[in-house]
Amino acid sequence: MKPTNKTYQLYCQFCHYKKTFDGDDSKSLSLSKSSDIQAGIPRYDSENKAIEQPPMKRGKPKSKCPNCGRVIFVTRYNEPKQDKPS
């Protein structure tokens, strides 16, 4: 089985900066810290008389644009799938 080639893209909508790279040179990025996001609303469990907190999920990785300094999102692209012969 062939290993998948993971590529990442940075795109700034403000200044139209675009960079496509693989995960090897990710140390040169200035990633911003982000807090966890609540996945749902808290629910009251009447049996235990307690509030159940929903699980937290990680936010998207964010980076700073090297040109203008605004926050941009890192998008991951996988290798395109090949069509099956008919």
C-alpha atoms as a PDB file:
ATOM      1  CA  MET A   1       0.000   0.000   0.000  1.00  0.00           C
ATOM      2  CA  LYS A   2       1.323   3.393  -1.010  1.00  0.00           C
ATOM      3  CA  PRO A   3       1.713   5.993   1.774  1.00  0.00           C
ATOM      4  CA  THR A   4      -0.496   9.043   1.445  1.00  0.00           C
ATOM      5  CA  ASN A   5       1.121  12.373   0.671  1.00  0.00           C
ATOM      6  CA  LYS A   6      -0.280  14.940   3.094  1.00  0.00           C
ATOM      7  CA  THR A   7      -0.101  18.514   1.917  1.00  0.00           C
ATOM      8  CA  TYR A   8      -1.163  21.612   3.774  1.00  0.00           C
ATOM      9  CA  GLN A   9      -2.187  25.007   2.467  1.00  0.00           C
ATOM     10  CA  LEU A  10      -2.148  28.484   3.950  1.00  0.00           C
ATOM     11  CA  TYR A  11      -4.343  31.062   2.239  1.00  0.00           C
ATOM     12  CA  CYS A  12      -4.963  34.634   3.401  1.00  0.00           C
ATOM     13  CA  GLN A  13      -8.186  36.129   2.045  1.00  0.00           C
ATOM     14  CA  PHE A  14      -7.100  39.658   2.872  1.00  0.00           C
ATOM     15  CA  CYS A  15      -3.749  39.887   1.041  1.00  0.00           C
ATOM     16  CA  HIS A  16      -4.121  36.698  -1.105  1.00  0.00           C
ATOM     17  CA  TYR A  17      -0.970  35.075   0.269  1.00  0.00           C
ATOM     18  CA  LYS A  18      -0.898  31.372  -0.629  1.00  0.00           C
ATOM     19  CA  LYS A  19       1.563  28.668   0.367  1.00  0.00           C
ATOM     20  CA  THR A  20       1.343  24.906  -0.128  1.00  0.00           C
ATOM     21  CA  PHE A  21       3.734  22.684   1.827  1.00  0.00           C
ATOM     22  CA  ASP A  22       4.107  19.264   3.390  1.00  0.00           C
ATOM     23  CA  GLY A  23       4.233  18.745   7.142  1.00  0.00           C
ATOM     24  CA  ASP A  24       8.051  18.754   7.333  1.00  0.00           C
ATOM     25  CA  ASP A  25       8.528  22.527   7.440  1.00  0.00           C
ATOM     26  CA  SER A  26       5.721  23.260   9.895  1.00  0.00           C
ATOM     27  CA  LYS A  27       8.243  24.550  12.467  1.00  0.00           C
ATOM     28  CA  SER A  28       8.609  27.754  10.445  1.00  0.00           C
ATOM     29  CA  LEU A  29       4.917  28.558  11.006  1.00  0.00           C
ATOM     30  CA  SER A  30       3.869  30.769  13.884  1.00  0.00           C
ATOM     31  CA  LEU A  31       0.887  28.789  15.187  1.00  0.00           C
ATOM     32  CA  SER A  32      -1.553  30.638  17.434  1.00  0.00           C
ATOM     33  CA  LYS A  33      -2.817  29.049  20.631  1.00  0.00           C
ATOM     34  CA  SER A  34      -6.507  28.261  20.692  1.00  0.00           C
ATOM     35  CA  SER A  35      -8.747  27.009  23.442  1.00  0.00           C
ATOM     36  CA  ASP A  36     -10.984  23.956  23.259  1.00  0.00           C
ATOM     37  CA  ILE A  37     -14.523  24.391  21.894  1.00  0.00           C
ATOM     38  CA  GLN A  38     -17.595  23.024  23.643  1.00  0.00           C
ATOM     39  CA  ALA A  39     -19.165  20.316  21.447  1.00  0.00           C
ATOM     40  CA  GLY A  40     -22.738  20.612  22.795  1.00  0.00           C
ATOM     41  CA  ILE A  41     -24.888  22.025  25.540  1.00  0.00           C
ATOM     42  CA  PRO A  42     -24.707  20.851  29.167  1.00  0.00           C
ATOM     43  CA  ARG A  43     -27.524  18.489  30.204  1.00  0.00           C
ATOM     44  CA  TYR A  44     -29.127  17.935  33.592  1.00  0.00           C
ATOM     45  CA  ASP A  45     -29.203  14.330  34.735  1.00  0.00           C
ATOM     46  CA  SER A  46     -32.254  14.061  36.993  1.00  0.00           C
ATOM     47  CA  GLU A  47     -31.258  10.613  38.230  1.00  0.00           C
ATOM     48  CA  ASN A  48     -27.881  11.702  39.642  1.00  0.00           C
ATOM     49  CA  LYS A  49     -28.977  15.319  40.185  1.00  0.00           C
ATOM     50  CA  ALA A  50     -25.880  16.546  38.401  1.00  0.00           C
ATOM     51  CA  ILE A  51     -25.019  18.498  35.278  1.00  0.00           C
ATOM     52  CA  GLU A  52     -23.282  16.482  32.559  1.00  0.00           C
ATOM     53  CA  GLN A  53     -20.746  18.484  30.606  1.00  0.00           C
ATOM     54  CA  PRO A  54     -20.356  17.661  26.884  1.00  0.00           C
ATOM     55  CA  PRO A  55     -16.941  16.642  25.552  1.00  0.00           C
ATOM     56  CA  MET A  56     -14.607  19.367  24.340  1.00  0.00           C
ATOM     57  CA  LYS A  57     -13.104  19.339  20.857  1.00  0.00           C
ATOM     58  CA  ARG A  58      -9.983  20.978  19.477  1.00  0.00           C
ATOM     59  CA  GLY A  59     -10.286  24.014  17.250  1.00  0.00           C
ATOM     60  CA  LYS A  60      -8.675  24.367  13.838  1.00  0.00           C
ATOM     61  CA  PRO A  61      -4.967  25.174  13.811  1.00  0.00           C
ATOM     62  CA  LYS A  62      -4.363  28.861  13.109  1.00  0.00           C
ATOM     63  CA  SER A  63      -1.285  30.665  11.903  1.00  0.00           C
ATOM     64  CA  LYS A  64      -0.219  34.242  11.234  1.00  0.00           C
ATOM     65  CA  CYS A  65       0.057  35.464   7.655  1.00  0.00           C
ATOM     66  CA  PRO A  66       3.701  36.363   6.915  1.00  0.00           C
ATOM     67  CA  ASN A  67       2.620  39.297   4.716  1.00  0.00           C
ATOM     68  CA  CYS A  68      -0.092  41.110   6.667  1.00  0.00           C
ATOM     69  CA  GLY A  69      -0.085  39.425  10.105  1.00  0.00           C
ATOM     70  CA  ARG A  70      -3.755  38.428  10.157  1.00  0.00           C
ATOM     71  CA  VAL A  71      -4.878  35.044  11.453  1.00  0.00           C
ATOM     72  CA  ILE A  72      -5.311  32.374   8.750  1.00  0.00           C
ATOM     73  CA  PHE A  73      -6.381  28.735   8.984  1.00  0.00           C
ATOM     74  CA  VAL A  74      -4.225  25.778   7.988  1.00  0.00           C
ATOM     75  CA  THR A  75      -6.090  23.478   5.567  1.00  0.00           C
ATOM     76  CA  ARG A  76      -5.029  19.859   5.009  1.00  0.00           C
ATOM     77  CA  TYR A  77      -5.344  18.147   1.635  1.00  0.00           C
ATOM     78  CA  ASN A  78      -4.908  14.414   1.092  1.00  0.00           C
ATOM     79  CA  GLU A  79      -3.813  12.707  -2.054  1.00  0.00           C
ATOM     80  CA  PRO A  80      -6.598  12.682  -4.690  1.00  0.00           C
ATOM     81  CA  LYS A  81      -8.411   9.388  -5.028  1.00  0.00           C
ATOM     82  CA  GLN A  82      -8.055   7.519  -8.304  1.00  0.00           C
ATOM     83  CA  ASP A  83     -11.098   6.478 -10.287  1.00  0.00           C
ATOM     84  CA  LYS A  84     -11.881   2.769 -10.346  1.00  0.00           C
ATOM     85  CA  PRO A  85     -11.710   1.191 -13.811  1.00  0.00           C
ATOM     86  CA  SER A  86     -15.098   0.088 -15.091  1.00  0.00           C
END
